[in-house]
C-alpha atoms as a PDB file:
ATOM      1  CA  UNK A   1      -1.558 -62.630  37.022  1.00  0.00           C
ATOM      2  CA  UNK A   2      -1.858 -59.120  36.164  1.00  0.00           C
ATOM      3  CA  UNK A   3      -0.958 -56.373  38.815  1.00  0.00           C
ATOM      4  CA  UNK A   4      -3.003 -53.294  38.663  1.00  0.00           C
ATOM      5  CA  UNK A   5      -2.295 -50.332  40.863  1.00  0.00           C
ATOM      6  CA  UNK A   6      -5.069 -47.963  41.652  1.00  0.00           C
ATOM      7  CA  UNK A   7      -4.368 -44.144  41.091  1.00  0.00           C
ATOM      8  CA  UNK A   8      -4.167 -43.318  44.834  1.00  0.00           C
ATOM      9  CA  UNK A   9      -1.704 -46.198  45.496  1.00  0.00           C
ATOM     10  CA  UNK A  10       0.322 -45.057  42.500  1.00  0.00           C
ATOM     11  CA  UNK A  11       0.569 -41.477  43.963  1.00  0.00           C
ATOM     12  CA  UNK A  12       1.568 -43.153  47.347  1.00  0.00           C
ATOM     13  CA  UNK A  13       4.287 -45.079  45.657  1.00  0.00           C
ATOM     14  CA  UNK A  14       5.602 -42.054  43.861  1.00  0.00           C
ATOM     15  CA  UNK A  15       6.010 -40.119  47.137  1.00  0.00           C
ATOM     16  CA  UNK A  16       8.161 -42.800  48.810  1.00  0.00           C
ATOM     17  CA  UNK A  17      11.817 -42.338  49.344  1.00  0.00           C
ATOM     18  CA  UNK A  18      13.877 -43.849  46.529  1.00  0.00           C
ATOM     19  CA  UNK A  19      15.191 -46.919  48.495  1.00  0.00           C
ATOM     20  CA  UNK A  20      11.629 -47.773  49.606  1.00  0.00           C
ATOM     21  CA  UNK A  21      10.222 -47.066  46.179  1.00  0.00           C
ATOM     22  CA  UNK A  22      12.548 -49.798  44.673  1.00  0.00           C
ATOM     23  CA  UNK A  23      11.518 -52.163  47.367  1.00  0.00           C
ATOM     24  CA  UNK A  24       7.884 -51.671  46.700  1.00  0.00           C
ATOM     25  CA  UNK A  25       8.341 -52.131  42.938  1.00  0.00           C
ATOM     26  CA  UNK A  26      10.092 -55.438  43.790  1.00  0.00           C
ATOM     27  CA  UNK A  27       6.968 -56.442  45.848  1.00  0.00           C
ATOM     28  CA  UNK A  28       4.678 -55.615  42.870  1.00  0.00           C
ATOM     29  CA  UNK A  29       6.839 -57.921  40.634  1.00  0.00           C
ATOM     30  CA  UNK A  30       6.454 -60.685  43.223  1.00  0.00           C
ATOM     31  CA  UNK A  31       2.658 -60.194  43.248  1.00  0.00           C
ATOM     32  CA  UNK A  32       2.716 -61.266  39.563  1.00  0.00           C
ATOM     33  CA  UNK A  33       3.213 -64.761  40.835  1.00  0.00           C
ATOM     34  CA  UNK A  34       0.116 -64.803  42.901  1.00  0.00           C
ATOM     35  CA  UNK A  35      -0.823 -67.108  44.796  1.00  0.00           C
ATOM     36  CA  UNK A  36       2.836 -68.300  45.089  1.00  0.00           C
ATOM     37  CA  UNK A  37       3.831 -65.149  47.060  1.00  0.00           C
ATOM     38  CA  UNK A  38       5.567 -65.629  50.374  1.00  0.00           C
ATOM     39  CA  UNK A  39       4.812 -63.245  53.176  1.00  0.00           C
ATOM     40  CA  UNK A  40       1.264 -62.128  52.124  1.00  0.00           C
ATOM     41  CA  UNK A  41      -1.194 -62.136  55.053  1.00  0.00           C
ATOM     42  CA  UNK A  42      -4.935 -61.947  54.887  1.00  0.00           C
ATOM     43  CA  UNK A  43      -6.392 -59.138  56.758  1.00  0.00           C
ATOM     44  CA  UNK A  44      -9.334 -59.328  59.125  1.00  0.00           C
ATOM     45  CA  UNK A  45     -12.281 -57.296  60.389  1.00  0.00           C
ATOM     46  CA  UNK A  46     -13.313 -54.437  58.101  1.00  0.00           C
ATOM     47  CA  UNK A  47     -10.438 -55.260  55.762  1.00  0.00           C
ATOM     48  CA  UNK A  48     -11.403 -59.013  55.300  1.00  0.00           C
ATOM     49  CA  UNK A  49     -10.875 -60.144  51.729  1.00  0.00           C
ATOM     50  CA  UNK A  50      -7.797 -58.057  51.331  1.00  0.00           C
ATOM     51  CA  UNK A  51      -4.206 -58.981  51.941  1.00  0.00           C
ATOM     52  CA  UNK A  52      -1.077 -57.177  52.966  1.00  0.00           C
ATOM     53  CA  UNK A  53       2.639 -57.745  52.293  1.00  0.00           C
ATOM     54  CA  UNK A  54       5.411 -56.081  54.264  1.00  0.00           C
ATOM     55  CA  UNK A  55       8.665 -54.572  53.025  1.00  0.00           C
ATOM     56  CA  UNK A  56      10.504 -53.257  56.107  1.00  0.00           C
ATOM     57  CA  UNK A  57       8.270 -50.547  57.812  1.00  0.00           C
ATOM     58  CA  UNK A  58       6.033 -50.245  54.743  1.00  0.00           C
ATOM     59  CA  UNK A  59       3.005 -52.139  53.832  1.00  0.00           C
ATOM     60  CA  UNK A  60       1.260 -52.961  50.478  1.00  0.00           C
ATOM     61  CA  UNK A  61      -2.447 -53.632  50.721  1.00  0.00           C
ATOM     62  CA  UNK A  62      -4.059 -55.539  47.898  1.00  0.00           C
ATOM     63  CA  UNK A  63      -6.989 -57.593  46.809  1.00  0.00           C
ATOM     64  CA  UNK A  64      -7.494 -60.424  44.255  1.00  0.00           C
ATOM     65  CA  UNK A  65     -10.182 -59.893  41.638  1.00  0.00           C
ATOM     66  CA  UNK A  66     -10.390 -62.793  39.341  1.00  0.00           C
ATOM     67  CA  UNK A  67      -7.016 -62.926  37.490  1.00  0.00           C
ATOM     68  CA  UNK A  68      -5.986 -59.437  38.638  1.00  0.00           C
ATOM     69  CA  UNK A  69      -4.048 -58.391  41.756  1.00  0.00           C
ATOM     70  CA  UNK A  70      -5.228 -54.900  42.670  1.00  0.00           C
ATOM     71  CA  UNK A  71      -2.901 -52.768  44.826  1.00  0.00           C
ATOM     72  CA  UNK A  72      -5.195 -50.471  46.777  1.00  0.00           C
ATOM     73  CA  UNK A  73      -2.790 -48.762  49.329  1.00  0.00           C
ATOM     74  CA  UNK A  74       0.849 -48.328  50.037  1.00  0.00           C
ATOM     75  CA  UNK A  75       2.294 -46.678  53.183  1.00  0.00           C
ATOM     76  CA  UNK A  76       4.247 -46.702  56.410  1.00  0.00           C
ATOM     77  CA  UNK A  77       3.022 -49.060  59.143  1.00  0.00           C
ATOM     78  CA  UNK A  78       2.102 -46.237  61.437  1.00  0.00           C
ATOM     79  CA  UNK A  79      -1.618 -45.728  60.913  1.00  0.00           C
ATOM     80  CA  UNK A  80      -1.688 -47.878  57.732  1.00  0.00           C
ATOM     81  CA  UNK A  81      -4.817 -49.836  58.946  1.00  0.00           C
ATOM     82  CA  UNK A  82      -6.837 -46.831  60.113  1.00  0.00           C
END
């Protein structure tokens, strides 16, 4: 699987503290093995069809389009789903 990061998500990753930045990059490497990724949870409601994976207090929201995993959003859990 190819992992694509949308421009806004890329900016969000770049603004993270260094320790969190490394953990998020590790999550992106794990997503290359989709669907054999542990910890990914499907979202519901308005976000149905998307998934999230946690790393500490931070979340990575993504969707699967064909053979691509598309990272849409990265951020702290506070207000992440709003």
